[in-house]
All heavy atoms as atom14 arrays in JSON, in Angstrom:
{
  "sequence": "DQTVRSFTIGMSDPKYNEAEAASAIASHLGTEHTELYITEDDAKKVIP",
  "atom14_mask": [
    [1, 1, 1, 1, 1, 1, 1, 1, 0, 0, 0, 0, 0, 0],
    [1, 1, 1, 1, 1, 1, 1, 1, 1, 0, 0, 0, 0, 0],
    [1, 1, 1, 1, 1, 1, 1, 0, 0, 0, 0, 0, 0, 0],
    [1, 1, 1, 1, 1, 1, 1, 0, 0, 0, 0, 0, 0, 0],
    [1, 1, 1, 1, 1, 1, 1, 1, 1, 1, 1, 0, 0, 0],
    [1, 1, 1, 1, 1, 1, 0, 0, 0, 0, 0, 0, 0, 0],
    [1, 1, 1, 1, 1, 1, 1, 1, 1, 1, 1, 0, 0, 0],
    [1, 1, 1, 1, 1, 1, 1, 0, 0, 0, 0, 0, 0, 0],
    [1, 1, 1, 1, 1, 1, 1, 1, 0, 0, 0, 0, 0, 0],
    [1, 1, 1, 1, 0, 0, 0, 0, 0, 0, 0, 0, 0, 0],
    [1, 1, 1, 1, 1, 1, 1, 1, 0, 0, 0, 0, 0, 0],
    [1, 1, 1, 1, 1, 1, 0, 0, 0, 0, 0, 0, 0, 0],
    [1, 1, 1, 1, 1, 1, 1, 1, 0, 0, 0, 0, 0, 0],
    [1, 1, 1, 1, 1, 1, 1, 0, 0, 0, 0, 0, 0, 0],
    [1, 1, 1, 1, 1, 1, 1, 1, 1, 0, 0, 0, 0, 0],
    [1, 1, 1, 1, 1, 1, 1, 1, 1, 1, 1, 1, 0, 0],
    [1, 1, 1, 1, 1, 1, 1, 1, 0, 0, 0, 0, 0, 0],
    [1, 1, 1, 1, 1, 1, 1, 1, 1, 0, 0, 0, 0, 0],
    [1, 1, 1, 1, 1, 0, 0, 0, 0, 0, 0, 0, 0, 0],
    [1, 1, 1, 1, 1, 1, 1, 1, 1, 0, 0, 0, 0, 0],
    [1, 1, 1, 1, 1, 0, 0, 0, 0, 0, 0, 0, 0, 0],
    [1, 1, 1, 1, 1, 0, 0, 0, 0, 0, 0, 0, 0, 0],
    [1, 1, 1, 1, 1, 1, 0, 0, 0, 0, 0, 0, 0, 0],
    [1, 1, 1, 1, 1, 0, 0, 0, 0, 0, 0, 0, 0, 0],
    [1, 1, 1, 1, 1, 1, 1, 1, 0, 0, 0, 0, 0, 0],
    [1, 1, 1, 1, 1, 0, 0, 0, 0, 0, 0, 0, 0, 0],
    [1, 1, 1, 1, 1, 1, 0, 0, 0, 0, 0, 0, 0, 0],
    [1, 1, 1, 1, 1, 1, 1, 1, 1, 1, 0, 0, 0, 0],
    [1, 1, 1, 1, 1, 1, 1, 1, 0, 0, 0, 0, 0, 0],
    [1, 1, 1, 1, 0, 0, 0, 0, 0, 0, 0, 0, 0, 0],
    [1, 1, 1, 1, 1, 1, 1, 0, 0, 0, 0, 0, 0, 0],
    [1, 1, 1, 1, 1, 1, 1, 1, 1, 0, 0, 0, 0, 0],
    [1, 1, 1, 1, 1, 1, 1, 1, 1, 1, 0, 0, 0, 0],
    [1, 1, 1, 1, 1, 1, 1, 0, 0, 0, 0, 0, 0, 0],
    [1, 1, 1, 1, 1, 1, 1, 1, 1, 0, 0, 0, 0, 0],
    [1, 1, 1, 1, 1, 1, 1, 1, 0, 0, 0, 0, 0, 0],
    [1, 1, 1, 1, 1, 1, 1, 1, 1, 1, 1, 1, 0, 0],
    [1, 1, 1, 1, 1, 1, 1, 1, 0, 0, 0, 0, 0, 0],
    [1, 1, 1, 1, 1, 1, 1, 0, 0, 0, 0, 0, 0, 0],
    [1, 1, 1, 1, 1, 1, 1, 1, 1, 0, 0, 0, 0, 0],
    [1, 1, 1, 1, 1, 1, 1, 1, 0, 0, 0, 0, 0, 0],
    [1, 1, 1, 1, 1, 1, 1, 1, 0, 0, 0, 0, 0, 0],
    [1, 1, 1, 1, 1, 0, 0, 0, 0, 0, 0, 0, 0, 0],
    [1, 1, 1, 1, 1, 1, 1, 1, 1, 0, 0, 0, 0, 0],
    [1, 1, 1, 1, 1, 1, 1, 1, 1, 0, 0, 0, 0, 0],
    [1, 1, 1, 1, 1, 1, 1, 0, 0, 0, 0, 0, 0, 0],
    [1, 1, 1, 1, 1, 1, 1, 1, 0, 0, 0, 0, 0, 0],
    [1, 1, 1, 1, 1, 1, 1, 0, 0, 0, 0, 0, 0, 0]
  ],
  "atom14_positions": [
    [[-37.75, 13.17, -9.68], [-36.54, 13.37, -8.89], [-35.3, 13.15, -9.74], [-34.17, 13.17, -9.24], [-36.52, 12.43, -7.67], [-36.67, 10.96, -8.06], [-36.76, 10.67, -9.27], [-36.71, 10.1, -7.16], [0.0, 0.0, 0.0], [0.0, 0.0, 0.0], [0.0, 0.0, 0.0], [0.0, 0.0, 0.0], [0.0, 0.0, 0.0], [0.0, 0.0, 0.0]],
    [[-35.52, 12.92, -11.06], [-34.41, 12.77, -11.99], [-34.63, 13.7, -13.19], [-35.73, 14.18, -13.43], [-34.32, 11.32, -12.48], [-34.08, 10.3, -11.37], [-34.02, 8.89, -11.91], [-34.09, 8.66, -13.12], [-33.9, 7.92, -11.02], [0.0, 0.0, 0.0], [0.0, 0.0, 0.0], [0.0, 0.0, 0.0], [0.0, 0.0, 0.0], [0.0, 0.0, 0.0]],
    [[-33.57, 13.94, -13.91], [-33.68, 14.77, -15.11], [-34.45, 14.01, -16.19], [-34.11, 12.88, -16.53], [-32.29, 15.15, -15.65], [-31.57, 15.85, -14.64], [-32.41, 16.03, -16.89], [0.0, 0.0, 0.0], [0.0, 0.0, 0.0], [0.0, 0.0, 0.0], [0.0, 0.0, 0.0], [0.0, 0.0, 0.0], [0.0, 0.0, 0.0], [0.0, 0.0, 0.0]],
    [[-35.49, 14.64, -16.7], [-36.31, 14.0, -17.73], [-35.59, 14.01, -19.07], [-34.92, 14.99, -19.42], [-37.67, 14.75, -17.86], [-38.45, 14.26, -19.08], [-38.49, 14.56, -16.59], [0.0, 0.0, 0.0], [0.0, 0.0, 0.0], [0.0, 0.0, 0.0], [0.0, 0.0, 0.0], [0.0, 0.0, 0.0], [0.0, 0.0, 0.0], [0.0, 0.0, 0.0]],
    [[-35.73, 12.94, -19.82], [-35.15, 12.87, -21.16], [-36.22, 13.24, -22.18], [-37.32, 12.69, -22.17], [-34.61, 11.47, -21.44], [-33.56, 11.01, -20.44], [-32.67, 9.95, -21.02], [-31.94, 10.43, -22.19], [-30.99, 9.75, -22.84], [-30.66, 8.54, -22.41], [-30.39, 10.24, -23.88], [0.0, 0.0, 0.0], [0.0, 0.0, 0.0], [0.0, 0.0, 0.0]],
    [[-35.89, 14.19, -23.05], [-36.84, 14.64, -24.07], [-36.24, 14.43, -25.46], [-35.02, 14.47, -25.64], [-37.2, 16.12, -23.87], [-36.04, 16.94, -23.86], [0.0, 0.0, 0.0], [0.0, 0.0, 0.0], [0.0, 0.0, 0.0], [0.0, 0.0, 0.0], [0.0, 0.0, 0.0], [0.0, 0.0, 0.0], [0.0, 0.0, 0.0], [0.0, 0.0, 0.0]],
    [[-37.15, 14.25, -26.46], [-36.71, 13.88, -27.81], [-37.5, 14.65, -28.85], [-38.73, 14.79, -28.75], [-36.89, 12.37, -28.01], [-36.15, 11.53, -27.01], [-36.75, 11.17, -25.81], [-34.85, 11.13, -27.25], [-36.07, 10.41, -24.88], [-34.16, 10.36, -26.32], [-34.77, 10.01, -25.12], [0.0, 0.0, 0.0], [0.0, 0.0, 0.0], [0.0, 0.0, 0.0]],
    [[-36.8, 15.12, -29.87], [-37.41, 15.95, -30.91], [-36.86, 15.57, -32.28], [-35.67, 15.27, -32.41], [-37.13, 17.44, -30.66], [-37.73, 17.84, -29.44], [-37.69, 18.3, -31.78], [0.0, 0.0, 0.0], [0.0, 0.0, 0.0], [0.0, 0.0, 0.0], [0.0, 0.0, 0.0], [0.0, 0.0, 0.0], [0.0, 0.0, 0.0], [0.0, 0.0, 0.0]],
    [[-37.73, 15.63, -33.28], [-37.32, 15.49, -34.67], [-37.26, 16.88, -35.31], [-38.2, 17.68, -35.18], [-38.32, 14.62, -35.46], [-38.12, 13.14, -35.12], [-38.18, 14.81, -36.97], [-36.84, 12.55, -35.68], [0.0, 0.0, 0.0], [0.0, 0.0, 0.0], [0.0, 0.0, 0.0], [0.0, 0.0, 0.0], [0.0, 0.0, 0.0], [0.0, 0.0, 0.0]],
    [[-36.16, 17.16, -36.0], [-36.01, 18.43, -36.71], [-36.04, 18.21, -38.21], [-35.72, 17.12, -38.7], [0.0, 0.0, 0.0], [0.0, 0.0, 0.0], [0.0, 0.0, 0.0], [0.0, 0.0, 0.0], [0.0, 0.0, 0.0], [0.0, 0.0, 0.0], [0.0, 0.0, 0.0], [0.0, 0.0, 0.0], [0.0, 0.0, 0.0], [0.0, 0.0, 0.0]],
    [[-36.46, 19.23, -38.95], [-36.53, 19.15, -40.41], [-35.79, 20.33, -41.03], [-35.79, 21.44, -40.47], [-37.99, 19.13, -40.86], [-38.77, 17.96, -40.3], [-40.46, 17.88, -40.93], [-41.08, 16.45, -40.01], [0.0, 0.0, 0.0], [0.0, 0.0, 0.0], [0.0, 0.0, 0.0], [0.0, 0.0, 0.0], [0.0, 0.0, 0.0], [0.0, 0.0, 0.0]],
    [[-35.22, 20.07, -42.2], [-34.43, 21.11, -42.85], [-35.28, 22.26, -43.36], [-34.82, 23.4, -43.44], [-33.64, 20.5, -44.03], [-34.52, 19.83, -44.92], [0.0, 0.0, 0.0], [0.0, 0.0, 0.0], [0.0, 0.0, 0.0], [0.0, 0.0, 0.0], [0.0, 0.0, 0.0], [0.0, 0.0, 0.0], [0.0, 0.0, 0.0], [0.0, 0.0, 0.0]],
    [[-36.54, 22.0, -43.69], [-37.45, 23.04, -44.15], [-37.94, 23.84, -42.95], [-38.62, 23.3, -42.07], [-38.64, 22.42, -44.88], [-39.51, 23.46, -45.58], [-39.51, 24.62, -45.13], [-40.18, 23.1, -46.56], [0.0, 0.0, 0.0], [0.0, 0.0, 0.0], [0.0, 0.0, 0.0], [0.0, 0.0, 0.0], [0.0, 0.0, 0.0], [0.0, 0.0, 0.0]],
    [[-37.64, 25.14, -42.87], [-38.02, 25.94, -41.69], [-39.53, 26.02, -41.48], [-39.97, 26.27, -40.36], [-37.42, 27.32, -41.99], [-37.19, 27.35, -43.47], [-36.88, 25.93, -43.86], [0.0, 0.0, 0.0], [0.0, 0.0, 0.0], [0.0, 0.0, 0.0], [0.0, 0.0, 0.0], [0.0, 0.0, 0.0], [0.0, 0.0, 0.0], [0.0, 0.0, 0.0]],
    [[-40.32, 25.81, -42.53], [-41.79, 25.85, -42.38], [-42.3, 24.73, -41.49], [-43.37, 24.86, -40.88], [-42.46, 25.77, -43.76], [-42.25, 26.98, -44.64], [-43.09, 26.88, -45.91], [-42.67, 25.69, -46.75], [-43.43, 25.63, -48.03], [0.0, 0.0, 0.0], [0.0, 0.0, 0.0], [0.0, 0.0, 0.0], [0.0, 0.0, 0.0], [0.0, 0.0, 0.0]],
    [[-41.57, 23.63, -41.43], [-42.02, 22.47, -40.67], [-41.11, 22.14, -39.5], [-41.34, 21.15, -38.81], [-42.13, 21.25, -41.59], [-43.01, 21.47, -42.79], [-42.46, 21.67, -44.06], [-44.39, 21.48, -42.65], [-43.28, 21.88, -45.16], [-45.21, 21.7, -43.76], [-44.64, 21.89, -45.01], [-45.45, 22.11, -46.09], [0.0, 0.0, 0.0], [0.0, 0.0, 0.0]],
    [[-40.1, 22.96, -39.28], [-39.11, 22.64, -38.26], [-39.51, 23.23, -36.9], [-39.62, 24.45, -36.76], [-37.74, 23.18, -38.67], [-36.67, 22.78, -37.68], [-36.73, 21.69, -37.1], [-35.69, 23.65, -37.49], [0.0, 0.0, 0.0], [0.0, 0.0, 0.0], [0.0, 0.0, 0.0], [0.0, 0.0, 0.0], [0.0, 0.0, 0.0], [0.0, 0.0, 0.0]],
    [[-39.7, 22.36, -35.91], [-40.01, 22.8, -34.56], [-38.84, 22.53, -33.6], [-38.95, 22.78, -32.41], [-41.27, 22.09, -34.04], [-42.52, 22.38, -34.84], [-43.76, 21.73, -34.21], [-43.73, 21.43, -33.01], [-44.73, 21.52, -34.94], [0.0, 0.0, 0.0], [0.0, 0.0, 0.0], [0.0, 0.0, 0.0], [0.0, 0.0, 0.0], [0.0, 0.0, 0.0]],
    [[-37.73, 22.03, -34.17], [-36.63, 21.59, -33.31], [-35.99, 22.73, -32.54], [-35.61, 22.58, -31.37], [-35.58, 20.86, -34.14], [0.0, 0.0, 0.0], [0.0, 0.0, 0.0], [0.0, 0.0, 0.0], [0.0, 0.0, 0.0], [0.0, 0.0, 0.0], [0.0, 0.0, 0.0], [0.0, 0.0, 0.0], [0.0, 0.0, 0.0], [0.0, 0.0, 0.0]],
    [[-35.85, 23.88, -33.18], [-35.19, 25.0, -32.5], [-36.01, 25.47, -31.31], [-35.48, 25.72, -30.22], [-34.97, 26.14, -33.49], [-33.93, 25.83, -34.56], [-33.68, 27.02, -35.48], [-34.25, 28.09, -35.2], [-32.93, 26.87, -36.45], [0.0, 0.0, 0.0], [0.0, 0.0, 0.0], [0.0, 0.0, 0.0], [0.0, 0.0, 0.0], [0.0, 0.0, 0.0]],
    [[-37.33, 25.59, -31.51], [-38.2, 26.0, -30.41], [-38.22, 24.93, -29.32], [-38.2, 25.26, -28.12], [-39.61, 26.27, -30.93], [0.0, 0.0, 0.0], [0.0, 0.0, 0.0], [0.0, 0.0, 0.0], [0.0, 0.0, 0.0], [0.0, 0.0, 0.0], [0.0, 0.0, 0.0], [0.0, 0.0, 0.0], [0.0, 0.0, 0.0], [0.0, 0.0, 0.0]],
    [[-38.26, 23.67, -29.73], [-38.26, 22.59, -28.75], [-36.97, 22.58, -27.94], [-36.99, 22.32, -26.72], [-38.45, 21.25, -29.46], [0.0, 0.0, 0.0], [0.0, 0.0, 0.0], [0.0, 0.0, 0.0], [0.0, 0.0, 0.0], [0.0, 0.0, 0.0], [0.0, 0.0, 0.0], [0.0, 0.0, 0.0], [0.0, 0.0, 0.0], [0.0, 0.0, 0.0]],
    [[-35.85, 22.86, -28.6], [-34.57, 22.92, -27.9], [-34.55, 24.02, -26.86], [-34.03, 23.85, -25.75], [-33.44, 23.12, -28.91], [-32.19, 23.2, -28.27], [0.0, 0.0, 0.0], [0.0, 0.0, 0.0], [0.0, 0.0, 0.0], [0.0, 0.0, 0.0], [0.0, 0.0, 0.0], [0.0, 0.0, 0.0], [0.0, 0.0, 0.0], [0.0, 0.0, 0.0]],
    [[-35.15, 25.16, -27.21], [-35.23, 26.28, -26.27], [-36.1, 25.91, -25.06], [-35.78, 26.25, -23.91], [-35.78, 27.51, -26.97], [0.0, 0.0, 0.0], [0.0, 0.0, 0.0], [0.0, 0.0, 0.0], [0.0, 0.0, 0.0], [0.0, 0.0, 0.0], [0.0, 0.0, 0.0], [0.0, 0.0, 0.0], [0.0, 0.0, 0.0], [0.0, 0.0, 0.0]],
    [[-37.21, 25.2, -25.33], [-38.09, 24.76, -24.24], [-37.36, 23.77, -23.34], [-37.44, 23.85, -22.11], [-39.38, 24.13, -24.82], [-40.2, 25.19, -25.55], [-40.21, 23.48, -23.72], [-41.34, 24.63, -26.38], [0.0, 0.0, 0.0], [0.0, 0.0, 0.0], [0.0, 0.0, 0.0], [0.0, 0.0, 0.0], [0.0, 0.0, 0.0], [0.0, 0.0, 0.0]],
    [[-36.65, 22.84, -23.97], [-35.9, 21.84, -23.19], [-34.84, 22.51, -22.32], [-34.62, 22.13, -21.16], [-35.25, 20.84, -24.14], [0.0, 0.0, 0.0], [0.0, 0.0, 0.0], [0.0, 0.0, 0.0], [0.0, 0.0, 0.0], [0.0, 0.0, 0.0], [0.0, 0.0, 0.0], [0.0, 0.0, 0.0], [0.0, 0.0, 0.0], [0.0, 0.0, 0.0]],
    [[-34.17, 23.53, -22.88], [-33.15, 24.26, -22.11], [-33.79, 24.98, -20.92], [-33.23, 24.98, -19.82], [-32.45, 25.26, -23.03], [-31.51, 26.02, -22.31], [0.0, 0.0, 0.0], [0.0, 0.0, 0.0], [0.0, 0.0, 0.0], [0.0, 0.0, 0.0], [0.0, 0.0, 0.0], [0.0, 0.0, 0.0], [0.0, 0.0, 0.0], [0.0, 0.0, 0.0]],
    [[-34.95, 25.57, -21.15], [-35.64, 26.28, -20.07], [-36.08, 25.32, -18.97], [-35.97, 25.64, -17.77], [-36.86, 27.01, -20.64], [-37.72, 27.66, -19.6], [-37.35, 28.82, -18.95], [-38.93, 27.29, -19.08], [-38.29, 29.15, -18.08], [-39.26, 28.25, -18.14], [0.0, 0.0, 0.0], [0.0, 0.0, 0.0], [0.0, 0.0, 0.0], [0.0, 0.0, 0.0]],
    [[-36.56, 24.13, -19.36], [-37.04, 23.16, -18.38], [-35.92, 22.36, -17.74], [-36.11, 21.77, -16.68], [-38.03, 22.19, -19.05], [-39.33, 22.8, -19.58], [-40.16, 21.74, -20.3], [-40.14, 23.42, -18.45], [0.0, 0.0, 0.0], [0.0, 0.0, 0.0], [0.0, 0.0, 0.0], [0.0, 0.0, 0.0], [0.0, 0.0, 0.0], [0.0, 0.0, 0.0]],
    [[-34.77, 22.34, -18.4], [-33.63, 21.61, -17.84], [-33.65, 20.12, -18.13], [-33.12, 19.32, -17.35], [0.0, 0.0, 0.0], [0.0, 0.0, 0.0], [0.0, 0.0, 0.0], [0.0, 0.0, 0.0], [0.0, 0.0, 0.0], [0.0, 0.0, 0.0], [0.0, 0.0, 0.0], [0.0, 0.0, 0.0], [0.0, 0.0, 0.0], [0.0, 0.0, 0.0]],
    [[-34.25, 19.7, -19.26], [-34.29, 18.28, -19.6], [-32.99, 17.86, -20.28], [-32.22, 18.68, -20.78], [-35.46, 17.97, -20.55], [-35.22, 18.59, -21.83], [-36.77, 18.48, -19.99], [0.0, 0.0, 0.0], [0.0, 0.0, 0.0], [0.0, 0.0, 0.0], [0.0, 0.0, 0.0], [0.0, 0.0, 0.0], [0.0, 0.0, 0.0], [0.0, 0.0, 0.0]],
    [[-32.75, 16.57, -20.31], [-31.65, 16.01, -21.09], [-32.19, 15.77, -22.49], [-32.92, 14.81, -22.74], [-31.16, 14.7, -20.46], [-29.98, 14.08, -21.2], [-29.53, 12.78, -20.58], [-29.88, 12.52, -19.41], [-28.84, 12.01, -21.29], [0.0, 0.0, 0.0], [0.0, 0.0, 0.0], [0.0, 0.0, 0.0], [0.0, 0.0, 0.0], [0.0, 0.0, 0.0]],
    [[-31.85, 16.67, -23.4], [-32.55, 16.73, -24.69], [-31.74, 16.08, -25.81], [-30.52, 16.24, -25.9], [-32.81, 18.2, -25.05], [-33.74, 18.38, -26.2], [-35.03, 17.89, -26.21], [-33.58, 19.0, -27.4], [-35.62, 18.21, -27.35], [-34.75, 18.87, -28.1], [0.0, 0.0, 0.0], [0.0, 0.0, 0.0], [0.0, 0.0, 0.0], [0.0, 0.0, 0.0]],
    [[-32.47, 15.33, -26.65], [-31.88, 14.71, -27.84], [-32.7, 15.07, -29.05], [-33.93, 15.0, -29.01], [-31.85, 13.17, -27.7], [-31.13, 12.81, -26.52], [-31.19, 12.53, -28.92], [0.0, 0.0, 0.0], [0.0, 0.0, 0.0], [0.0, 0.0, 0.0], [0.0, 0.0, 0.0], [0.0, 0.0, 0.0], [0.0, 0.0, 0.0], [0.0, 0.0, 0.0]],
    [[-32.04, 15.48, -30.12], [-32.77, 15.82, -31.35], [-32.1, 15.17, -32.55], [-30.9, 14.88, -32.55], [-32.86, 17.33, -31.54], [-31.53, 18.04, -31.71], [-31.68, 19.54, -31.86], [-32.66, 20.11, -31.34], [-30.8, 20.17, -32.49], [0.0, 0.0, 0.0], [0.0, 0.0, 0.0], [0.0, 0.0, 0.0], [0.0, 0.0, 0.0], [0.0, 0.0, 0.0]],
    [[-32.92, 14.91, -33.55], [-32.44, 14.28, -34.78], [-33.04, 15.02, -35.97], [-34.27, 15.14, -36.09], [-32.86, 12.81, -34.85], [-32.57, 12.08, -36.16], [-31.07, 11.92, -36.36], [-33.27, 10.72, -36.2], [0.0, 0.0, 0.0], [0.0, 0.0, 0.0], [0.0, 0.0, 0.0], [0.0, 0.0, 0.0], [0.0, 0.0, 0.0], [0.0, 0.0, 0.0]],
    [[-32.18, 15.56, -36.82], [-32.66, 16.24, -38.02], [-32.79, 15.22, -39.15], [-31.89, 14.42, -39.39], [-31.69, 17.36, -38.43], [-32.01, 18.67, -37.76], [-31.61, 18.92, -36.45], [-32.75, 19.65, -38.42], [-31.92, 20.11, -35.81], [-33.06, 20.85, -37.8], [-32.64, 21.08, -36.5], [-32.95, 22.25, -35.89], [0.0, 0.0, 0.0], [0.0, 0.0, 0.0]],
    [[-33.93, 15.26, -39.82], [-34.19, 14.33, -40.92], [-34.3, 15.09, -42.23], [-34.65, 16.28, -42.26], [-35.46, 13.51, -40.68], [-36.7, 14.43, -40.58], [-35.34, 12.66, -39.44], [-38.02, 13.7, -40.52], [0.0, 0.0, 0.0], [0.0, 0.0, 0.0], [0.0, 0.0, 0.0], [0.0, 0.0, 0.0], [0.0, 0.0, 0.0], [0.0, 0.0, 0.0]],
    [[-34.02, 14.38, -43.3], [-34.11, 14.97, -44.64], [-35.33, 14.42, -45.37], [-36.01, 13.51, -44.89], [-32.85, 14.63, -45.45], [-32.81, 13.2, -45.66], [-31.59, 15.07, -44.72], [0.0, 0.0, 0.0], [0.0, 0.0, 0.0], [0.0, 0.0, 0.0], [0.0, 0.0, 0.0], [0.0, 0.0, 0.0], [0.0, 0.0, 0.0], [0.0, 0.0, 0.0]],
    [[-35.57, 14.95, -46.54], [-36.68, 14.45, -47.37], [-36.45, 12.99, -47.73], [-37.4, 12.19, -47.75], [-36.79, 15.28, -48.65], [-37.95, 14.88, -49.54], [-38.06, 15.78, -50.77], [-37.59, 16.93, -50.7], [-38.62, 15.32, -51.78], [0.0, 0.0, 0.0], [0.0, 0.0, 0.0], [0.0, 0.0, 0.0], [0.0, 0.0, 0.0], [0.0, 0.0, 0.0]],
    [[-35.21, 12.62, -47.98], [-34.9, 11.22, -48.3], [-35.18, 10.3, -47.1], [-35.65, 9.17, -47.29], [-33.43, 11.08, -48.72], [-33.17, 11.63, -50.11], [-34.15, 11.78, -50.88], [-32.01, 11.93, -50.43], [0.0, 0.0, 0.0], [0.0, 0.0, 0.0], [0.0, 0.0, 0.0], [0.0, 0.0, 0.0], [0.0, 0.0, 0.0], [0.0, 0.0, 0.0]],
    [[-34.89, 10.78, -45.89], [-35.18, 9.98, -44.69], [-36.67, 9.67, -44.62], [-37.08, 8.55, -44.29], [-34.77, 10.73, -43.44], [-33.26, 10.89, -43.33], [-32.54, 9.98, -43.78], [-32.81, 11.92, -42.79], [0.0, 0.0, 0.0], [0.0, 0.0, 0.0], [0.0, 0.0, 0.0], [0.0, 0.0, 0.0], [0.0, 0.0, 0.0], [0.0, 0.0, 0.0]],
    [[-37.49, 10.69, -44.91], [-38.94, 10.51, -44.86], [-39.41, 9.55, -45.95], [-40.25, 8.68, -45.71], [-39.63, 11.85, -45.01], [0.0, 0.0, 0.0], [0.0, 0.0, 0.0], [0.0, 0.0, 0.0], [0.0, 0.0, 0.0], [0.0, 0.0, 0.0], [0.0, 0.0, 0.0], [0.0, 0.0, 0.0], [0.0, 0.0, 0.0], [0.0, 0.0, 0.0]],
    [[-38.87, 9.66, -47.14], [-39.28, 8.81, -48.25], [-38.95, 7.34, -47.99], [-39.69, 6.44, -48.43], [-38.61, 9.28, -49.55], [-39.17, 10.58, -50.1], [-38.46, 10.98, -51.39], [-39.04, 12.25, -51.98], [-38.33, 12.69, -53.2], [0.0, 0.0, 0.0], [0.0, 0.0, 0.0], [0.0, 0.0, 0.0], [0.0, 0.0, 0.0], [0.0, 0.0, 0.0]],
    [[-37.86, 7.1, -47.29], [-37.47, 5.71, -47.01], [-38.46, 4.99, -46.12], [-38.52, 3.75, -46.1], [-36.08, 5.69, -46.38], [-34.95, 6.06, -47.34], [-33.61, 6.08, -46.61], [-32.49, 6.49, -47.57], [-31.18, 6.58, -46.87], [0.0, 0.0, 0.0], [0.0, 0.0, 0.0], [0.0, 0.0, 0.0], [0.0, 0.0, 0.0], [0.0, 0.0, 0.0]],
    [[-39.25, 5.75, -45.37], [-40.22, 5.14, -44.45], [-41.47, 4.66, -45.2], [-42.14, 3.72, -44.78], [-40.63, 6.15, -43.35], [-41.7, 5.58, -42.43], [-39.4, 6.57, -42.55], [0.0, 0.0, 0.0], [0.0, 0.0, 0.0], [0.0, 0.0, 0.0], [0.0, 0.0, 0.0], [0.0, 0.0, 0.0], [0.0, 0.0, 0.0], [0.0, 0.0, 0.0]],
    [[-41.77, 5.3, -46.32], [-43.04, 5.07, -47.02], [-43.3, 3.59, -47.33], [-44.41, 3.1, -47.09], [-43.11, 5.92, -48.3], [-43.17, 7.41, -47.92], [-44.33, 5.54, -49.14], [-43.12, 8.35, -49.1], [0.0, 0.0, 0.0], [0.0, 0.0, 0.0], [0.0, 0.0, 0.0], [0.0, 0.0, 0.0], [0.0, 0.0, 0.0], [0.0, 0.0, 0.0]],
    [[-42.33, 2.83, -47.83], [-42.62, 1.41, -48.12], [-43.03, 0.6, -46.89], [-43.69, -0.44, -47.03], [-41.29, 0.9, -48.7], [-40.62, 2.11, -49.24], [-40.97, 3.2, -48.3], [0.0, 0.0, 0.0], [0.0, 0.0, 0.0], [0.0, 0.0, 0.0], [0.0, 0.0, 0.0], [0.0, 0.0, 0.0], [0.0, 0.0, 0.0], [0.0, 0.0, 0.0]]
  ]
}
């Protein structure tokens, strides 16, 4: 009975980026959508 909140991670490399498609799905469903684009450096910082 409330707008669902949805969350997606985007990547700069188009081969691995699903954010654009996810955004389109969120728009179609009418969710309150939040996305965050990450870089290669963002990913590397997690490794330790």
